[in-house]
Structures are given as C-alpha cells and as structure tokens.
Amino acid sequence: AQTASGEIIHGRNLDYSFTSTLQSLAIVVDFVRNNDTKFTAVTFGPNPTFNTGVRYGMFSVTQDERDRGNMYRNWFDIAVL
C-alpha cells in the first residue's frame, strides 16, 4: 500500500517461482461502508482468504513466503492457513 504521494506504507514478499501465474489471478478487494473504504485486501483467484490486508491509518497484515517447502505445501498454506 502507498499514500497518494507514493510513500510506501506496507510491503510484502511472495517469492513464489510462479509469480506470472499469480499476477493474472490477483484480486484487490475494497471493503466500503457509507462510501468510505474501511479495509483493502489482496487475494488470488478463487481463494477465500487474504494474503494482505490494510486498515488505512491503523494497521496492515500480510502473509509472506520465503521459498521453503515445495509448491504443493505453499499452495496448501495459501488455501488453508
């Protein structure tokens, strides 16, 4: 996430070897109440969980990956954890 002036306030690292596939599946979801964005989150494809979430002016959370295990374990972690 970044401010309107471009200052980065949240970063994440997903070191998967299949990033080109993930880029085409990335979905940014804004949670809006009374025309005001309360949270923004990022997920991939049909995954019901979020890898990154931002509550503007408050906090951010993320799931990082550092190329440990195998591809199946990493997909399990995304889908389940």
C-alpha atoms as a PDB file:
ATOM      1  CA  ALA A   1       0.000   0.000   0.000  1.00  0.00           C
ATOM      2  CA  GLN A   2       1.136   3.538  -0.525  1.00  0.00           C
ATOM      3  CA  THR A   3      -0.002   7.067   0.153  1.00  0.00           C
ATOM      4  CA  ALA A   4      -1.346   9.370  -2.545  1.00  0.00           C
ATOM      5  CA  SER A   5       2.165  10.880  -2.812  1.00  0.00           C
ATOM      6  CA  GLY A   6       3.703   7.439  -3.438  1.00  0.00           C
ATOM      7  CA  GLU A   7       5.178   6.772   0.022  1.00  0.00           C
ATOM      8  CA  ILE A   8       5.144   3.009   0.650  1.00  0.00           C
ATOM      9  CA  ILE A   9       3.482   2.160   3.961  1.00  0.00           C
ATOM     10  CA  HIS A  10       3.205  -1.596   3.541  1.00  0.00           C
ATOM     11  CA  GLY A  11       5.226  -4.104   1.567  1.00  0.00           C
ATOM     12  CA  ARG A  12       5.190  -7.852   1.218  1.00  0.00           C
ATOM     13  CA  ASN A  13       7.313 -10.568  -0.252  1.00  0.00           C
ATOM     14  CA  LEU A  14       5.849 -13.568  -2.056  1.00  0.00           C
ATOM     15  CA  ASP A  15       8.877 -15.365  -3.507  1.00  0.00           C
ATOM     16  CA  TYR A  16       6.927 -17.999  -5.383  1.00  0.00           C
ATOM     17  CA  SER A  17       8.500 -19.322  -8.569  1.00  0.00           C
ATOM     18  CA  PHE A  18       5.154 -18.953 -10.391  1.00  0.00           C
ATOM     19  CA  THR A  19       4.642 -15.205  -9.956  1.00  0.00           C
ATOM     20  CA  SER A  20       3.442 -14.663 -13.532  1.00  0.00           C
ATOM     21  CA  THR A  21       0.519 -17.005 -12.827  1.00  0.00           C
ATOM     22  CA  LEU A  22      -0.283 -15.253  -9.547  1.00  0.00           C
ATOM     23  CA  GLN A  23      -0.213 -11.830 -11.215  1.00  0.00           C
ATOM     24  CA  SER A  24      -3.038 -12.856 -13.512  1.00  0.00           C
ATOM     25  CA  LEU A  25      -5.065 -14.159 -10.524  1.00  0.00           C
ATOM     26  CA  ALA A  26      -4.550 -11.218  -8.135  1.00  0.00           C
ATOM     27  CA  ILE A  27      -7.733  -9.549  -6.894  1.00  0.00           C
ATOM     28  CA  VAL A  28      -7.868  -6.323  -4.866  1.00  0.00           C
ATOM     29  CA  VAL A  29     -10.967  -6.108  -2.659  1.00  0.00           C
ATOM     30  CA  ASP A  30     -12.146  -2.873  -1.027  1.00  0.00           C
ATOM     31  CA  PHE A  31     -14.497  -3.105   1.948  1.00  0.00           C
ATOM     32  CA  VAL A  32     -16.653   0.013   1.873  1.00  0.00           C
ATOM     33  CA  ARG A  33     -19.150   1.380   4.391  1.00  0.00           C
ATOM     34  CA  ASN A  34     -21.085   4.607   3.808  1.00  0.00           C
ATOM     35  CA  ASN A  35     -18.986   5.378   0.731  1.00  0.00           C
ATOM     36  CA  ASP A  36     -15.764   5.167   2.813  1.00  0.00           C
ATOM     37  CA  THR A  37     -13.148   2.436   2.236  1.00  0.00           C
ATOM     38  CA  LYS A  38     -12.538   0.747   5.595  1.00  0.00           C
ATOM     39  CA  PHE A  39     -10.189  -2.073   4.518  1.00  0.00           C
ATOM     40  CA  THR A  40      -8.386  -3.126   1.361  1.00  0.00           C
ATOM     41  CA  ALA A  41      -7.240  -6.718   0.906  1.00  0.00           C
ATOM     42  CA  VAL A  42      -5.471  -8.784  -1.760  1.00  0.00           C
ATOM     43  CA  THR A  43      -6.170 -12.410  -2.626  1.00  0.00           C
ATOM     44  CA  PHE A  44      -5.532 -14.717  -5.549  1.00  0.00           C
ATOM     45  CA  GLY A  45      -8.218 -16.235  -7.758  1.00  0.00           C
ATOM     46  CA  PRO A  46     -10.981 -18.143  -6.025  1.00  0.00           C
ATOM     47  CA  ASN A  47      -9.073 -18.250  -2.708  1.00  0.00           C
ATOM     48  CA  PRO A  48     -11.476 -17.253   0.133  1.00  0.00           C
ATOM     49  CA  THR A  49      -8.651 -15.928   2.344  1.00  0.00           C
ATOM     50  CA  PHE A  50      -6.480 -12.815   2.064  1.00  0.00           C
ATOM     51  CA  ASN A  51      -2.716 -12.555   1.795  1.00  0.00           C
ATOM     52  CA  THR A  52      -2.609  -8.858   2.601  1.00  0.00           C
ATOM     53  CA  GLY A  53      -4.976  -6.529   4.421  1.00  0.00           C
ATOM     54  CA  VAL A  54      -4.775  -2.798   5.154  1.00  0.00           C
ATOM     55  CA  ARG A  55      -6.873  -0.703   7.519  1.00  0.00           C
ATOM     56  CA  TYR A  56      -5.912   2.797   6.414  1.00  0.00           C
ATOM     57  CA  GLY A  57      -4.428   4.903   9.184  1.00  0.00           C
ATOM     58  CA  MET A  58      -4.392   1.934  11.570  1.00  0.00           C
ATOM     59  CA  PHE A  59      -2.520  -1.261  10.620  1.00  0.00           C
ATOM     60  CA  SER A  60      -1.666  -3.780   7.933  1.00  0.00           C
ATOM     61  CA  VAL A  61      -1.230  -7.549   7.936  1.00  0.00           C
ATOM     62  CA  THR A  62       0.411  -9.844   5.426  1.00  0.00           C
ATOM     63  CA  GLN A  63       1.408 -13.392   4.685  1.00  0.00           C
ATOM     64  CA  ASP A  64       4.993 -13.749   3.483  1.00  0.00           C
ATOM     65  CA  GLU A  65       6.619 -16.640   1.647  1.00  0.00           C
ATOM     66  CA  ARG A  66      10.325 -17.417   1.521  1.00  0.00           C
ATOM     67  CA  ASP A  67      10.620 -20.421  -0.837  1.00  0.00           C
ATOM     68  CA  ARG A  68      10.531 -23.116   1.799  1.00  0.00           C
ATOM     69  CA  GLY A  69       8.960 -26.493   1.212  1.00  0.00           C
ATOM     70  CA  ASN A  70       7.524 -27.459  -2.127  1.00  0.00           C
ATOM     71  CA  MET A  71       4.890 -25.918  -4.367  1.00  0.00           C
ATOM     72  CA  TYR A  72       2.102 -28.125  -3.002  1.00  0.00           C
ATOM     73  CA  ARG A  73       2.849 -27.136   0.587  1.00  0.00           C
ATOM     74  CA  ASN A  74       2.904 -23.451  -0.409  1.00  0.00           C
ATOM     75  CA  TRP A  75      -0.477 -23.787  -2.166  1.00  0.00           C
ATOM     76  CA  PHE A  76      -1.817 -25.570   0.928  1.00  0.00           C
ATOM     77  CA  ASP A  77      -0.625 -22.672   3.077  1.00  0.00           C
ATOM     78  CA  ILE A  78      -2.371 -20.144   0.838  1.00  0.00           C
ATOM     79  CA  ALA A  79      -5.613 -22.124   0.700  1.00  0.00           C
ATOM     80  CA  VAL A  80      -5.849 -23.208   4.323  1.00  0.00           C
ATOM     81  CA  LEU A  81      -3.735 -21.016   6.583  1.00  0.00           C
END
